[in-house]
Amino acid sequence: MKTIRQLLEGKGHEIVSATPDTSVYEALEIMAEHNIGALLVLDAGDLVGIFSERDYARKVVLKGKS
């Protein structure tokens, strides 16, 4: 079984991130541009969260069900 390190070796070293003030639309655009499914959310260089396509998809799907 591969390790996480082995999986990440082929991904490169670029960190793609957003800030807490980034709009959801802009975050989705960034993910599309980089062909990734999640962004690190950094505030003054500190990790404060992760935003993923899944987070957004769940909100959209559940919005019409409440």
N, C-alpha and C. Protein backbone atom coordinates (compact mmCIF):
# COMPACT_ATOMS: atom_id res chain seq x y z
N MET A 1 0.84 -1.18 0.00
CA MET A 1 0.00 0.00 0.00
C MET A 1 0.89 1.25 0.00
N LYS A 2 0.51 2.21 -0.83
CA LYS A 2 1.27 3.45 -0.92
C LYS A 2 1.05 4.31 0.32
N THR A 3 2.01 5.16 0.57
CA THR A 3 1.88 6.13 1.65
C THR A 3 1.37 7.45 1.08
N ILE A 4 0.93 8.32 1.94
CA ILE A 4 0.49 9.65 1.49
C ILE A 4 1.66 10.38 0.84
N ARG A 5 2.85 10.22 1.39
CA ARG A 5 4.04 10.86 0.82
C ARG A 5 4.22 10.45 -0.64
N GLN A 6 4.07 9.17 -0.92
CA GLN A 6 4.24 8.68 -2.29
C GLN A 6 3.18 9.26 -3.22
N LEU A 7 1.97 9.39 -2.75
CA LEU A 7 0.92 9.99 -3.58
C LEU A 7 1.20 11.45 -3.87
N LEU A 8 1.70 12.16 -2.87
CA LEU A 8 1.94 13.59 -3.02
C LEU A 8 3.17 13.92 -3.86
N GLU A 9 4.11 12.99 -3.97
CA GLU A 9 5.34 13.26 -4.72
C GLU A 9 5.06 13.68 -6.16
N GLY A 10 4.04 13.13 -6.78
CA GLY A 10 3.73 13.47 -8.16
C GLY A 10 2.87 14.70 -8.33
N LYS A 11 2.46 15.33 -7.24
CA LYS A 11 1.54 16.46 -7.30
C LYS A 11 2.23 17.81 -7.44
N GLY A 12 3.51 17.90 -7.19
CA GLY A 12 4.18 19.19 -7.20
C GLY A 12 4.12 19.82 -5.82
N HIS A 13 4.68 21.03 -5.73
CA HIS A 13 4.80 21.66 -4.42
C HIS A 13 4.03 22.97 -4.30
N GLU A 14 3.27 23.32 -5.32
CA GLU A 14 2.50 24.56 -5.28
C GLU A 14 1.36 24.43 -4.27
N ILE A 15 1.24 25.42 -3.40
CA ILE A 15 0.13 25.44 -2.44
C ILE A 15 -0.93 26.39 -3.00
N VAL A 16 -2.10 25.86 -3.25
CA VAL A 16 -3.21 26.67 -3.77
C VAL A 16 -4.12 26.96 -2.60
N SER A 17 -4.38 28.25 -2.37
CA SER A 17 -5.15 28.62 -1.18
C SER A 17 -6.07 29.80 -1.46
N ALA A 18 -6.90 30.07 -0.49
CA ALA A 18 -7.81 31.21 -0.51
C ALA A 18 -7.79 31.82 0.88
N THR A 19 -8.42 32.97 1.01
CA THR A 19 -8.57 33.59 2.33
C THR A 19 -10.02 33.45 2.76
N PRO A 20 -10.31 33.71 4.03
CA PRO A 20 -11.70 33.63 4.47
C PRO A 20 -12.62 34.61 3.73
N ASP A 21 -12.05 35.66 3.14
CA ASP A 21 -12.85 36.66 2.43
C ASP A 21 -13.04 36.37 0.95
N THR A 22 -12.44 35.29 0.45
CA THR A 22 -12.61 34.89 -0.95
C THR A 22 -14.06 34.47 -1.17
N SER A 23 -14.66 34.93 -2.26
CA SER A 23 -16.05 34.53 -2.53
C SER A 23 -16.09 33.05 -2.91
N VAL A 24 -17.23 32.43 -2.70
CA VAL A 24 -17.40 31.02 -3.05
C VAL A 24 -17.19 30.85 -4.55
N TYR A 25 -17.72 31.75 -5.35
CA TYR A 25 -17.56 31.67 -6.80
C TYR A 25 -16.08 31.72 -7.18
N GLU A 26 -15.35 32.65 -6.59
CA GLU A 26 -13.92 32.77 -6.89
C GLU A 26 -13.17 31.51 -6.45
N ALA A 27 -13.52 30.94 -5.31
CA ALA A 27 -12.88 29.71 -4.84
C ALA A 27 -13.12 28.58 -5.83
N LEU A 28 -14.35 28.49 -6.35
CA LEU A 28 -14.66 27.46 -7.34
C LEU A 28 -13.87 27.68 -8.63
N GLU A 29 -13.70 28.93 -9.03
CA GLU A 29 -12.90 29.24 -10.21
C GLU A 29 -11.44 28.82 -10.02
N ILE A 30 -10.89 29.10 -8.84
CA ILE A 30 -9.50 28.74 -8.55
C ILE A 30 -9.33 27.22 -8.61
N MET A 31 -10.28 26.50 -8.03
CA MET A 31 -10.19 25.04 -8.05
C MET A 31 -10.28 24.51 -9.48
N ALA A 32 -11.14 25.11 -10.30
CA ALA A 32 -11.26 24.68 -11.70
C ALA A 32 -9.97 24.96 -12.47
N GLU A 33 -9.38 26.14 -12.25
CA GLU A 33 -8.14 26.51 -12.95
C GLU A 33 -7.01 25.55 -12.63
N HIS A 34 -6.98 25.06 -11.40
CA HIS A 34 -5.88 24.19 -10.95
C HIS A 34 -6.26 22.71 -10.98
N ASN A 35 -7.48 22.42 -11.42
CA ASN A 35 -7.97 21.05 -11.50
C ASN A 35 -7.82 20.33 -10.16
N ILE A 36 -8.30 21.00 -9.10
CA ILE A 36 -8.25 20.44 -7.75
C ILE A 36 -9.65 20.48 -7.15
N GLY A 37 -9.87 19.72 -6.11
CA GLY A 37 -11.18 19.64 -5.49
C GLY A 37 -11.30 20.32 -4.15
N ALA A 38 -10.19 20.94 -3.68
CA ALA A 38 -10.23 21.60 -2.38
C ALA A 38 -9.16 22.68 -2.30
N LEU A 39 -9.42 23.65 -1.46
CA LEU A 39 -8.48 24.75 -1.22
C LEU A 39 -8.18 24.85 0.26
N LEU A 40 -6.92 25.12 0.58
CA LEU A 40 -6.60 25.48 1.95
C LEU A 40 -7.09 26.91 2.16
N VAL A 41 -7.63 27.19 3.32
CA VAL A 41 -8.06 28.55 3.65
C VAL A 41 -7.05 29.09 4.66
N LEU A 42 -6.33 30.14 4.24
CA LEU A 42 -5.28 30.72 5.07
C LEU A 42 -5.65 32.14 5.47
N ASP A 43 -5.41 32.45 6.73
CA ASP A 43 -5.64 33.80 7.25
C ASP A 43 -4.32 34.27 7.85
N ALA A 44 -3.70 35.24 7.21
CA ALA A 44 -2.39 35.74 7.62
C ALA A 44 -1.37 34.61 7.72
N GLY A 45 -1.45 33.66 6.79
CA GLY A 45 -0.52 32.55 6.75
C GLY A 45 -0.87 31.38 7.63
N ASP A 46 -1.90 31.52 8.46
CA ASP A 46 -2.33 30.43 9.34
C ASP A 46 -3.46 29.64 8.69
N LEU A 47 -3.36 28.33 8.76
CA LEU A 47 -4.42 27.48 8.23
C LEU A 47 -5.65 27.59 9.13
N VAL A 48 -6.77 28.02 8.54
CA VAL A 48 -8.00 28.15 9.32
C VAL A 48 -9.10 27.23 8.82
N GLY A 49 -8.85 26.54 7.70
CA GLY A 49 -9.86 25.61 7.20
C GLY A 49 -9.52 25.06 5.83
N ILE A 50 -10.44 24.25 5.34
CA ILE A 50 -10.36 23.68 4.00
C ILE A 50 -11.73 23.84 3.37
N PHE A 51 -11.77 24.34 2.14
CA PHE A 51 -13.03 24.47 1.40
C PHE A 51 -12.97 23.52 0.23
N SER A 52 -14.00 22.70 0.07
CA SER A 52 -13.99 21.71 -1.01
C SER A 52 -15.22 21.82 -1.89
N GLU A 53 -15.12 21.23 -3.08
CA GLU A 53 -16.27 21.16 -3.97
C GLU A 53 -17.43 20.46 -3.26
N ARG A 54 -17.11 19.49 -2.47
CA ARG A 54 -18.13 18.73 -1.74
C ARG A 54 -18.90 19.63 -0.77
N ASP A 55 -18.18 20.53 -0.08
CA ASP A 55 -18.85 21.48 0.82
C ASP A 55 -19.91 22.27 0.06
N TYR A 56 -19.52 22.79 -1.10
CA TYR A 56 -20.44 23.59 -1.89
C TYR A 56 -21.58 22.76 -2.45
N ALA A 57 -21.27 21.59 -2.98
CA ALA A 57 -22.30 20.72 -3.56
C ALA A 57 -23.36 20.36 -2.53
N ARG A 58 -22.95 20.04 -1.33
CA ARG A 58 -23.91 19.69 -0.28
C ARG A 58 -24.84 20.85 0.04
N LYS A 59 -24.27 22.06 0.11
CA LYS A 59 -25.10 23.23 0.41
C LYS A 59 -26.12 23.47 -0.69
N VAL A 60 -25.71 23.32 -1.95
CA VAL A 60 -26.61 23.54 -3.08
C VAL A 60 -27.73 22.50 -3.07
N VAL A 61 -27.37 21.24 -2.88
CA VAL A 61 -28.36 20.17 -2.89
C VAL A 61 -29.33 20.31 -1.72
N LEU A 62 -28.81 20.61 -0.54
CA LEU A 62 -29.65 20.69 0.65
C LEU A 62 -30.48 21.96 0.70
N LYS A 63 -30.08 23.00 -0.01
CA LYS A 63 -30.80 24.27 0.02
C LYS A 63 -32.26 24.09 -0.38
N GLY A 64 -32.52 23.30 -1.38
CA GLY A 64 -33.88 23.09 -1.85
C GLY A 64 -34.66 22.08 -1.03
N LYS A 65 -34.03 21.46 -0.04
CA LYS A 65 -34.69 20.41 0.72
C LYS A 65 -35.13 20.85 2.10
N SER A 66 -34.81 22.08 2.50
CA SER A 66 -35.15 22.50 3.86
C SER A 66 -36.55 23.05 3.97
